N, C-alpha and C. Protein backbone atom coordinates (compact mmCIF):
# COMPACT_ATOMS: atom_id res chain seq x y z
N MET A 1 143.83 147.47 -38.84
CA MET A 1 144.27 148.26 -39.97
C MET A 1 145.05 147.36 -40.92
N GLU A 2 144.78 147.51 -42.20
CA GLU A 2 145.44 146.70 -43.22
C GLU A 2 146.58 147.48 -43.87
N GLU A 3 147.52 146.75 -44.46
CA GLU A 3 148.69 147.39 -45.06
C GLU A 3 148.31 148.38 -46.15
N LYS A 4 147.21 148.17 -46.84
CA LYS A 4 146.78 149.09 -47.89
C LYS A 4 146.45 150.47 -47.33
N ASP A 5 146.17 150.55 -46.03
CA ASP A 5 145.82 151.82 -45.38
C ASP A 5 147.03 152.58 -44.84
N PHE A 6 148.22 151.98 -44.90
CA PHE A 6 149.40 152.58 -44.29
C PHE A 6 149.82 153.90 -44.92
N ASP A 7 149.76 153.98 -46.25
CA ASP A 7 150.18 155.23 -46.91
C ASP A 7 149.35 156.41 -46.43
N GLY A 8 148.04 156.23 -46.38
CA GLY A 8 147.16 157.30 -45.92
C GLY A 8 147.43 157.69 -44.48
N LEU A 9 147.67 156.71 -43.64
CA LEU A 9 147.96 156.99 -42.23
C LEU A 9 149.25 157.79 -42.10
N LEU A 10 150.29 157.36 -42.79
CA LEU A 10 151.57 158.07 -42.72
C LEU A 10 151.44 159.51 -43.21
N GLU A 11 150.68 159.71 -44.29
CA GLU A 11 150.47 161.06 -44.83
C GLU A 11 149.78 161.96 -43.80
N LYS A 12 148.81 161.42 -43.07
CA LYS A 12 148.10 162.21 -42.06
C LYS A 12 149.00 162.54 -40.88
N VAL A 13 149.74 161.54 -40.40
CA VAL A 13 150.54 161.73 -39.19
C VAL A 13 151.63 162.78 -39.39
N VAL A 14 152.25 162.82 -40.56
CA VAL A 14 153.34 163.80 -40.76
C VAL A 14 152.81 165.23 -40.85
N THR A 15 151.50 165.40 -40.95
CA THR A 15 150.94 166.76 -40.97
C THR A 15 150.73 167.33 -39.57
N ILE A 16 150.87 166.50 -38.55
CA ILE A 16 150.69 166.96 -37.17
C ILE A 16 151.84 167.89 -36.80
N GLU A 17 151.52 169.00 -36.20
CA GLU A 17 152.55 169.97 -35.82
C GLU A 17 153.58 169.34 -34.90
N GLY A 18 154.85 169.53 -35.22
CA GLY A 18 155.94 169.02 -34.41
C GLY A 18 156.44 167.65 -34.81
N VAL A 19 155.70 166.95 -35.69
CA VAL A 19 156.13 165.63 -36.14
C VAL A 19 157.19 165.80 -37.22
N VAL A 20 158.31 165.11 -37.05
CA VAL A 20 159.44 165.20 -37.97
C VAL A 20 159.34 164.12 -39.04
N SER A 21 159.05 162.90 -38.62
CA SER A 21 158.92 161.78 -39.55
C SER A 21 158.13 160.67 -38.89
N THR A 22 157.71 159.72 -39.69
CA THR A 22 156.96 158.59 -39.17
C THR A 22 157.21 157.37 -40.04
N PHE A 23 157.09 156.20 -39.46
CA PHE A 23 157.32 154.96 -40.19
C PHE A 23 156.49 153.84 -39.58
N ILE A 24 156.35 152.78 -40.33
CA ILE A 24 155.63 151.60 -39.85
C ILE A 24 156.57 150.41 -39.99
N CYS A 25 156.58 149.58 -38.95
CA CYS A 25 157.35 148.34 -39.00
C CYS A 25 156.50 147.21 -38.43
N SER A 26 156.94 146.01 -38.67
CA SER A 26 156.25 144.87 -38.08
C SER A 26 156.65 144.76 -36.62
N ARG A 27 155.86 144.05 -35.84
CA ARG A 27 156.22 143.82 -34.45
C ARG A 27 157.49 142.99 -34.35
N ALA A 28 157.83 142.28 -35.43
CA ALA A 28 159.07 141.49 -35.47
C ALA A 28 160.27 142.35 -35.84
N GLY A 29 160.02 143.63 -36.21
CA GLY A 29 161.11 144.55 -36.47
C GLY A 29 161.43 144.81 -37.93
N THR A 30 160.64 144.29 -38.85
CA THR A 30 160.88 144.51 -40.26
C THR A 30 160.31 145.85 -40.70
N TYR A 31 161.14 146.67 -41.35
CA TYR A 31 160.69 147.95 -41.87
C TYR A 31 159.62 147.71 -42.93
N ILE A 32 158.53 148.46 -42.88
CA ILE A 32 157.45 148.33 -43.87
C ILE A 32 157.43 149.56 -44.78
N LYS A 33 157.19 150.74 -44.23
CA LYS A 33 157.18 151.99 -45.00
C LYS A 33 157.36 153.18 -44.11
N GLY A 34 157.62 154.30 -44.76
CA GLY A 34 157.79 155.54 -44.02
C GLY A 34 159.21 156.05 -44.14
N GLU A 35 159.58 156.88 -43.19
CA GLU A 35 160.86 157.57 -43.25
C GLU A 35 161.64 157.38 -41.96
N ALA A 36 162.88 156.98 -42.11
CA ALA A 36 163.80 156.90 -40.97
C ALA A 36 164.62 158.19 -40.93
N PRO A 37 165.14 158.54 -39.77
CA PRO A 37 165.98 159.74 -39.69
C PRO A 37 167.18 159.62 -40.64
N LYS A 38 167.63 160.78 -41.14
CA LYS A 38 168.81 160.78 -42.00
C LYS A 38 169.97 160.12 -41.27
N MET A 39 170.77 159.42 -42.00
CA MET A 39 171.96 158.73 -41.50
C MET A 39 171.61 157.48 -40.68
N ALA A 40 170.33 157.16 -40.54
CA ALA A 40 169.94 155.96 -39.79
C ALA A 40 169.70 154.81 -40.76
N ASP A 41 170.11 153.64 -40.39
CA ASP A 41 169.81 152.44 -41.16
C ASP A 41 168.37 152.04 -40.83
N ARG A 42 167.46 152.12 -41.79
CA ARG A 42 166.05 151.92 -41.49
C ARG A 42 165.74 150.52 -40.97
N SER A 43 166.49 149.52 -41.41
CA SER A 43 166.27 148.17 -40.90
C SER A 43 166.64 148.08 -39.42
N MET A 44 167.75 148.68 -39.07
CA MET A 44 168.18 148.68 -37.67
C MET A 44 167.24 149.53 -36.83
N TYR A 45 166.84 150.67 -37.34
CA TYR A 45 165.91 151.58 -36.66
C TYR A 45 164.61 150.85 -36.34
N SER A 46 164.08 150.12 -37.31
CA SER A 46 162.85 149.37 -37.11
C SER A 46 163.03 148.24 -36.10
N ALA A 47 164.13 147.53 -36.22
CA ALA A 47 164.38 146.41 -35.31
C ALA A 47 164.51 146.88 -33.86
N ILE A 48 165.22 147.97 -33.64
CA ILE A 48 165.40 148.48 -32.28
C ILE A 48 164.09 149.03 -31.74
N THR A 49 163.31 149.69 -32.59
CA THR A 49 162.00 150.19 -32.17
C THR A 49 161.11 149.04 -31.73
N SER A 50 161.09 147.99 -32.51
CA SER A 50 160.29 146.82 -32.19
C SER A 50 160.74 146.18 -30.87
N LEU A 51 162.04 146.10 -30.68
CA LEU A 51 162.59 145.54 -29.45
C LEU A 51 162.18 146.37 -28.23
N ALA A 52 162.27 147.69 -28.35
CA ALA A 52 161.89 148.57 -27.24
C ALA A 52 160.40 148.39 -26.91
N PHE A 53 159.57 148.35 -27.93
CA PHE A 53 158.13 148.20 -27.70
C PHE A 53 157.83 146.83 -27.08
N GLY A 54 158.42 145.79 -27.64
CA GLY A 54 158.18 144.44 -27.13
C GLY A 54 158.63 144.26 -25.70
N THR A 55 159.75 144.87 -25.35
CA THR A 55 160.25 144.80 -23.98
C THR A 55 159.29 145.49 -23.02
N ALA A 56 158.86 146.69 -23.38
CA ALA A 56 157.91 147.43 -22.53
C ALA A 56 156.58 146.69 -22.43
N GLU A 57 156.16 146.09 -23.53
CA GLU A 57 154.90 145.34 -23.53
C GLU A 57 154.98 144.15 -22.57
N GLN A 58 156.13 143.48 -22.55
CA GLN A 58 156.30 142.34 -21.65
C GLN A 58 156.29 142.79 -20.19
N VAL A 59 156.90 143.92 -19.90
CA VAL A 59 156.85 144.46 -18.53
C VAL A 59 155.39 144.69 -18.13
N GLY A 60 154.60 145.23 -19.05
CA GLY A 60 153.18 145.44 -18.78
C GLY A 60 152.46 144.13 -18.48
N HIS A 61 152.77 143.09 -19.25
CA HIS A 61 152.16 141.78 -18.98
C HIS A 61 152.51 141.28 -17.59
N GLU A 62 153.75 141.47 -17.18
CA GLU A 62 154.19 141.05 -15.86
C GLU A 62 153.45 141.80 -14.75
N MET A 63 153.03 143.02 -15.05
CA MET A 63 152.30 143.83 -14.08
C MET A 63 150.77 143.70 -14.24
N ASN A 64 150.35 142.78 -15.13
CA ASN A 64 148.92 142.62 -15.44
C ASN A 64 148.30 143.92 -15.90
N ASP A 65 148.99 144.61 -16.80
CA ASP A 65 148.51 145.88 -17.33
C ASP A 65 148.83 145.92 -18.83
N ASP A 66 148.13 146.77 -19.56
CA ASP A 66 148.32 146.88 -21.00
C ASP A 66 149.16 148.11 -21.35
N LEU A 67 150.13 147.92 -22.21
CA LEU A 67 150.97 149.02 -22.67
C LEU A 67 150.17 149.92 -23.60
N GLN A 68 150.23 151.22 -23.40
CA GLN A 68 149.54 152.18 -24.24
C GLN A 68 150.44 152.68 -25.37
N TYR A 69 151.69 153.00 -25.04
CA TYR A 69 152.66 153.46 -26.03
C TYR A 69 154.02 153.50 -25.36
N VAL A 70 155.06 153.65 -26.16
CA VAL A 70 156.41 153.81 -25.66
C VAL A 70 156.90 155.19 -26.10
N SER A 71 157.56 155.89 -25.21
CA SER A 71 158.16 157.18 -25.54
C SER A 71 159.64 157.11 -25.23
N LEU A 72 160.46 157.25 -26.26
CA LEU A 72 161.90 157.29 -26.10
C LEU A 72 162.31 158.74 -26.23
N ASN A 73 162.81 159.32 -25.15
CA ASN A 73 163.11 160.75 -25.10
C ASN A 73 164.60 160.98 -25.26
N PHE A 74 164.93 161.78 -26.27
CA PHE A 74 166.31 162.12 -26.56
C PHE A 74 166.51 163.62 -26.35
N SER A 75 167.71 164.10 -26.52
CA SER A 75 167.98 165.52 -26.24
C SER A 75 167.24 166.46 -27.20
N LYS A 76 167.03 166.05 -28.44
CA LYS A 76 166.38 166.93 -29.42
C LYS A 76 165.02 166.41 -29.89
N ARG A 77 164.81 165.12 -29.78
CA ARG A 77 163.62 164.52 -30.35
C ARG A 77 163.02 163.51 -29.38
N ARG A 78 161.83 163.08 -29.72
CA ARG A 78 161.11 162.08 -28.95
C ARG A 78 160.53 161.09 -29.96
N LEU A 79 160.70 159.80 -29.71
CA LEU A 79 160.13 158.77 -30.57
C LEU A 79 158.98 158.12 -29.83
N LEU A 80 157.78 158.27 -30.39
CA LEU A 80 156.59 157.63 -29.83
C LEU A 80 156.30 156.39 -30.65
N VAL A 81 156.04 155.28 -29.98
CA VAL A 81 155.76 154.02 -30.67
C VAL A 81 154.44 153.47 -30.17
N LEU A 82 153.54 153.19 -31.11
CA LEU A 82 152.22 152.66 -30.78
C LEU A 82 151.97 151.38 -31.58
N GLY A 83 151.24 150.47 -30.99
CA GLY A 83 150.80 149.30 -31.71
C GLY A 83 149.65 149.68 -32.63
N ILE A 84 149.70 149.19 -33.86
CA ILE A 84 148.57 149.40 -34.78
C ILE A 84 148.11 148.03 -35.27
N GLY A 85 147.42 147.37 -34.40
CA GLY A 85 146.95 146.02 -34.71
C GLY A 85 147.92 144.98 -34.18
N PRO A 86 147.59 143.72 -34.44
CA PRO A 86 148.38 142.63 -33.87
C PRO A 86 149.74 142.41 -34.51
N ARG A 87 149.98 143.02 -35.69
CA ARG A 87 151.22 142.73 -36.40
C ARG A 87 152.13 143.92 -36.66
N HIS A 88 151.66 145.15 -36.38
CA HIS A 88 152.43 146.32 -36.79
C HIS A 88 152.56 147.37 -35.70
N LEU A 89 153.59 148.21 -35.85
CA LEU A 89 153.84 149.35 -34.97
C LEU A 89 154.00 150.59 -35.83
N ILE A 90 153.67 151.73 -35.26
CA ILE A 90 153.97 153.00 -35.92
C ILE A 90 154.91 153.78 -35.01
N GLY A 91 155.95 154.32 -35.60
CA GLY A 91 156.88 155.17 -34.88
C GLY A 91 156.71 156.60 -35.35
N VAL A 92 156.59 157.50 -34.41
CA VAL A 92 156.41 158.91 -34.71
C VAL A 92 157.55 159.68 -34.06
N LEU A 93 158.43 160.23 -34.89
CA LEU A 93 159.54 161.03 -34.39
C LEU A 93 159.09 162.48 -34.37
N ALA A 94 159.18 163.10 -33.21
CA ALA A 94 158.68 164.47 -33.04
C ALA A 94 159.67 165.31 -32.25
N ASP A 95 159.48 166.61 -32.34
CA ASP A 95 160.28 167.52 -31.52
C ASP A 95 159.96 167.28 -30.05
N ASN A 96 160.88 167.61 -29.18
CA ASN A 96 160.69 167.39 -27.75
C ASN A 96 159.57 168.21 -27.12
N ASN A 97 159.25 169.35 -27.70
CA ASN A 97 158.26 170.24 -27.10
C ASN A 97 156.83 169.99 -27.58
N VAL A 98 156.57 168.85 -28.20
CA VAL A 98 155.24 168.57 -28.72
C VAL A 98 154.26 168.18 -27.62
N ASP A 99 152.99 168.27 -27.95
CA ASP A 99 151.91 167.80 -27.08
C ASP A 99 151.74 166.30 -27.34
N VAL A 100 152.38 165.48 -26.53
CA VAL A 100 152.36 164.04 -26.73
C VAL A 100 150.94 163.50 -26.73
N GLN A 101 150.15 163.89 -25.75
CA GLN A 101 148.77 163.37 -25.68
C GLN A 101 147.96 163.78 -26.90
N GLY A 102 148.20 164.98 -27.41
CA GLY A 102 147.51 165.43 -28.62
C GLY A 102 147.87 164.57 -29.82
N ILE A 103 149.16 164.26 -29.97
CA ILE A 103 149.60 163.40 -31.07
C ILE A 103 148.97 162.02 -30.93
N LEU A 104 149.03 161.46 -29.74
CA LEU A 104 148.48 160.12 -29.53
C LEU A 104 146.98 160.07 -29.83
N GLU A 105 146.24 161.08 -29.40
CA GLU A 105 144.81 161.11 -29.67
C GLU A 105 144.52 161.16 -31.16
N LYS A 106 145.26 162.00 -31.90
CA LYS A 106 145.05 162.10 -33.35
C LYS A 106 145.38 160.79 -34.04
N VAL A 107 146.52 160.21 -33.71
CA VAL A 107 146.92 158.95 -34.36
C VAL A 107 145.89 157.86 -34.06
N ARG A 108 145.50 157.73 -32.82
CA ARG A 108 144.52 156.70 -32.47
C ARG A 108 143.19 156.91 -33.17
N SER A 109 142.81 158.15 -33.38
CA SER A 109 141.53 158.41 -34.05
C SER A 109 141.57 157.96 -35.51
N TRP A 110 142.76 157.88 -36.10
CA TRP A 110 142.89 157.46 -37.49
C TRP A 110 143.08 155.96 -37.63
N LEU A 111 143.23 155.26 -36.53
CA LEU A 111 143.45 153.81 -36.61
C LEU A 111 142.16 153.08 -36.82
């Protein structure tokens, strides 16, 4: 997926029921586009998201397995992080009661 396609992807993802916001960052943690939660520093949000994904990805390498996605579960929300190509990640902030597999299937179908 190329950066020119990011706007369309973000527009589609936020229409999924239960999705609160979505953003794209580089695997190095640089914010690219999208929406961070209110009161959050988007640069820090992107950097921490990238760190969480990279850490989980490395654990997968150690186990000779491939990471599918990262889910960070909070009391009110859930942050799903997926790789979208070799250089970027997409973060999807959703309500806790969402159908995670349904969201993942839709997002992957648009990649």
